[in-house]
């Protein structure tokens, strides 16, 4: 990877964290990004976070759903009807990480990942996927809740960006990436057509 001190200020880093605070609906924004890429004839790969109502897990069951595929995986440990709260299933996250790494399309124009959170800040979760994407210089977008921004910044060590949670900021980041031969830009299409 390039040394961050030698990169032009106007060039984006390959990794970008979309900073957000609750109750912002970050999952809807990431799904919209994947949709915009698809509308432009570009390929988005990775996983989005979805929810399904499940008794015994305080009404919410988090799942990872592959972008452009039928693969879906619950990522919370079932703890029973009388439990208080839920717990991330680290085994499921390890399985998801392996599946994502194995399935990343070489021709994907962007990789979208659901979260940089507690698991990633502790060295687990999707951290290996992020490292691989950075090493391969692949545009990678991930949601980062505000309280995990210090861990995100420590993880990327200056080789990642922090974006505002909006489509314009994400498109601007993508269009400022180093241009490989044939890499398309998104700015050519008016934002009104993407909304």
Protein backbone atom coordinates (compact mmCIF):
# COMPACT_ATOMS: atom_id res chain seq x y z
CA UNK A 1 0.00 0.00 0.00
CA UNK A 2 1.06 3.56 -0.57
CA UNK A 3 2.53 5.56 2.28
CA UNK A 4 -0.17 7.98 3.50
CA UNK A 5 2.36 10.85 3.60
CA UNK A 6 2.99 10.53 -0.15
CA UNK A 7 -0.63 10.41 -1.27
CA UNK A 8 -2.06 13.55 -2.84
CA UNK A 9 -4.58 15.20 -0.50
CA UNK A 10 -7.30 14.88 -3.11
CA UNK A 11 -6.94 11.09 -3.39
CA UNK A 12 -9.11 8.78 -1.30
CA UNK A 13 -7.82 5.81 0.66
CA UNK A 14 -9.02 2.33 -0.33
CA UNK A 15 -10.82 1.83 3.01
CA UNK A 16 -13.62 4.13 4.11
CA UNK A 17 -15.66 4.05 7.30
CA UNK A 18 -19.06 5.70 7.21
CA UNK A 19 -19.40 7.29 10.66
CA UNK A 20 -22.88 7.25 12.16
CA UNK A 21 -24.74 7.55 15.43
CA UNK A 22 -27.90 5.78 16.49
CA UNK A 23 -30.72 6.02 15.46
CA UNK A 24 -29.38 6.76 11.95
CA UNK A 25 -30.47 3.99 9.57
CA UNK A 26 -27.03 3.06 8.27
CA UNK A 27 -28.13 -0.28 6.84
CA UNK A 28 -30.57 1.48 4.51
CA UNK A 29 -27.78 3.80 3.33
CA UNK A 30 -25.42 0.90 2.59
CA UNK A 31 -28.19 -0.93 0.72
CA UNK A 32 -28.80 2.27 -1.27
CA UNK A 33 -25.10 2.48 -2.16
CA UNK A 34 -25.21 -1.09 -3.52
CA UNK A 35 -28.36 -0.18 -5.48
CA UNK A 36 -26.74 2.95 -6.97
CA UNK A 37 -23.73 0.94 -8.11
CA UNK A 38 -26.05 -1.63 -9.69
CA UNK A 39 -28.06 1.12 -11.44
CA UNK A 40 -24.81 2.40 -12.95
CA UNK A 41 -23.87 -1.05 -14.25
CA UNK A 42 -21.19 -1.48 -11.56
CA UNK A 43 -20.67 -4.45 -9.27
CA UNK A 44 -21.00 -4.24 -5.49
CA UNK A 45 -20.02 -7.25 -3.37
CA UNK A 46 -19.94 -7.92 0.37
CA UNK A 47 -22.60 -8.15 3.07
CA UNK A 48 -25.36 -6.02 4.53
CA UNK A 49 -26.90 -6.33 7.98
CA UNK A 50 -30.58 -7.24 8.16
CA UNK A 51 -32.97 -7.94 11.00
CA UNK A 52 -35.68 -10.48 11.62
CA UNK A 53 -38.01 -10.73 14.56
CA UNK A 54 -37.04 -13.63 16.78
CA UNK A 55 -38.49 -14.27 20.24
CA UNK A 56 -35.86 -14.66 22.96
CA UNK A 57 -33.43 -12.18 21.51
CA UNK A 58 -35.08 -8.99 22.69
CA UNK A 59 -37.08 -8.78 19.46
CA UNK A 60 -34.13 -8.51 17.08
CA UNK A 61 -32.06 -11.11 15.30
CA UNK A 62 -29.16 -9.73 13.29
CA UNK A 63 -28.24 -11.46 10.06
CA UNK A 64 -25.66 -10.92 7.37
CA UNK A 65 -26.99 -11.03 3.83
CA UNK A 66 -24.73 -11.25 0.80
CA UNK A 67 -25.06 -8.47 -1.76
CA UNK A 68 -26.23 -9.95 -5.05
CA UNK A 69 -26.51 -13.52 -3.72
CA UNK A 70 -28.90 -15.62 -1.66
CA UNK A 71 -26.46 -16.35 1.18
CA UNK A 72 -27.71 -15.23 4.60
CA UNK A 73 -26.40 -16.04 8.10
CA UNK A 74 -27.67 -15.28 11.62
CA UNK A 75 -24.87 -13.68 13.66
CA UNK A 76 -26.41 -13.58 17.15
CA UNK A 77 -26.28 -16.40 19.68
CA UNK A 78 -29.74 -17.72 20.55
CA UNK A 79 -29.88 -17.35 24.33
CA UNK A 80 -33.45 -18.39 25.07
CA UNK A 81 -36.75 -16.68 25.79
CA UNK A 82 -35.81 -15.42 29.26
CA UNK A 83 -32.43 -13.92 28.39
CA UNK A 84 -31.76 -10.23 28.57
CA UNK A 85 -30.15 -8.95 25.42
CA UNK A 86 -28.25 -10.74 22.71
CA UNK A 87 -24.66 -11.72 22.15
CA UNK A 88 -22.68 -11.77 18.92
CA UNK A 89 -21.88 -15.29 17.77
CA UNK A 90 -18.12 -15.12 17.14
CA UNK A 91 -18.18 -18.55 15.46
CA UNK A 92 -20.79 -17.32 12.99
CA UNK A 93 -18.72 -14.19 12.36
CA UNK A 94 -15.64 -16.33 11.67
CA UNK A 95 -17.69 -18.40 9.21
CA UNK A 96 -19.03 -15.23 7.60
CA UNK A 97 -15.54 -13.77 7.30
CA UNK A 98 -14.26 -16.90 5.56
CA UNK A 99 -17.27 -16.99 3.22
CA UNK A 100 -16.88 -13.30 2.35
CA UNK A 101 -13.15 -13.66 1.64
CA UNK A 102 -13.76 -16.71 -0.56
CA UNK A 103 -16.62 -15.06 -2.45
CA UNK A 104 -15.25 -11.59 -3.12
CA UNK A 105 -15.61 -11.02 -6.80
CA UNK A 106 -12.35 -9.99 -8.40
CA UNK A 107 -14.28 -7.71 -10.71
CA UNK A 108 -16.31 -5.98 -7.97
CA UNK A 109 -16.15 -2.20 -8.20
CA UNK A 110 -16.79 -1.79 -4.46
CA UNK A 111 -16.84 -4.03 -1.38
CA UNK A 112 -19.51 -3.08 1.18
CA UNK A 113 -19.31 -4.49 4.71
CA UNK A 114 -21.91 -4.11 7.42
CA UNK A 115 -19.92 -2.92 10.47
CA UNK A 116 -16.62 -2.16 12.09
CA UNK A 117 -17.67 -2.73 15.69
CA UNK A 118 -16.72 -4.48 18.87
CA UNK A 119 -15.57 -7.73 17.23
CA UNK A 120 -13.34 -5.85 14.75
CA UNK A 121 -11.96 -3.53 17.44
CA UNK A 122 -10.93 -6.66 19.38
CA UNK A 123 -9.17 -8.16 16.33
CA UNK A 124 -12.03 -10.45 15.23
CA UNK A 125 -15.10 -10.19 13.00
CA UNK A 126 -14.48 -8.88 9.51
CA UNK A 127 -11.02 -7.53 10.27
CA UNK A 128 -9.26 -10.10 8.03
CA UNK A 129 -11.55 -9.18 5.15
CA UNK A 130 -10.71 -5.50 5.62
CA UNK A 131 -6.98 -6.26 5.70
CA UNK A 132 -7.21 -8.30 2.52
CA UNK A 133 -9.18 -5.58 0.73
CA UNK A 134 -6.63 -2.95 1.80
CA UNK A 135 -3.70 -5.10 0.68
CA UNK A 136 -5.39 -5.73 -2.68
CA UNK A 137 -6.25 -2.00 -3.01
CA UNK A 138 -9.95 -2.68 -3.40
CA UNK A 139 -12.47 0.09 -2.67
CA UNK A 140 -14.07 -0.99 0.61
CA UNK A 141 -16.86 0.75 2.50
CA UNK A 142 -17.87 -0.16 6.05
CA UNK A 143 -20.21 1.37 8.64
CA UNK A 144 -18.55 2.60 11.85
CA UNK A 145 -20.67 3.68 14.80
CA UNK A 146 -19.25 6.87 16.37
CA UNK A 147 -18.09 5.14 19.56
CA UNK A 148 -15.88 2.79 17.47
CA UNK A 149 -14.20 5.58 15.46
CA UNK A 150 -11.06 5.58 17.67
CA UNK A 151 -10.66 1.81 17.11
CA UNK A 152 -11.32 2.28 13.36
CA UNK A 153 -8.66 4.99 13.15
CA UNK A 154 -6.19 2.83 15.08
CA UNK A 155 -6.93 -0.14 12.80
CA UNK A 156 -6.32 1.69 9.50
CA UNK A 157 -3.40 3.77 10.79
CA UNK A 158 -3.96 6.60 8.31
CA UNK A 159 -4.75 4.31 5.37
CA UNK A 160 -8.51 4.73 5.69
CA UNK A 161 -10.98 7.58 5.48
CA UNK A 162 -13.96 8.61 7.63
CA UNK A 163 -17.04 9.66 5.67
CA UNK A 164 -20.26 11.46 6.51
CA UNK A 165 -23.31 9.16 6.38
CA UNK A 166 -24.75 10.29 3.07
CA UNK A 167 -24.69 9.16 -0.55
CA UNK A 168 -22.89 12.29 -1.79
CA UNK A 169 -19.96 11.76 0.59
CA UNK A 170 -19.64 8.11 -0.47
CA UNK A 171 -19.74 8.93 -4.19
CA UNK A 172 -17.16 11.67 -3.70
CA UNK A 173 -14.87 9.20 -1.85
CA UNK A 174 -15.27 6.59 -4.60
CA UNK A 175 -14.61 9.08 -7.39
CA UNK A 176 -11.41 10.31 -5.67
CA UNK A 177 -9.88 6.81 -5.52
CA UNK A 178 -6.76 6.26 -7.60
CA UNK A 179 -8.01 5.53 -11.12
CA UNK A 180 -7.07 2.13 -12.41
CA UNK A 181 -7.41 1.59 -16.12
CA UNK A 182 -11.10 1.39 -16.88
CA UNK A 183 -12.36 2.16 -13.33
CA UNK A 184 -15.60 4.09 -13.81
CA UNK A 185 -16.64 7.16 -11.84
CA UNK A 186 -20.07 7.87 -10.42
CA UNK A 187 -20.04 11.67 -10.54
CA UNK A 188 -20.91 11.71 -14.25
CA UNK A 189 -24.53 11.02 -13.31
CA UNK A 190 -26.45 13.84 -11.59
CA UNK A 191 -27.31 13.12 -7.96
CA UNK A 192 -31.01 13.67 -8.72
CA UNK A 193 -30.90 10.58 -10.93
CA UNK A 194 -29.30 8.53 -8.14
CA UNK A 195 -31.74 9.51 -5.41
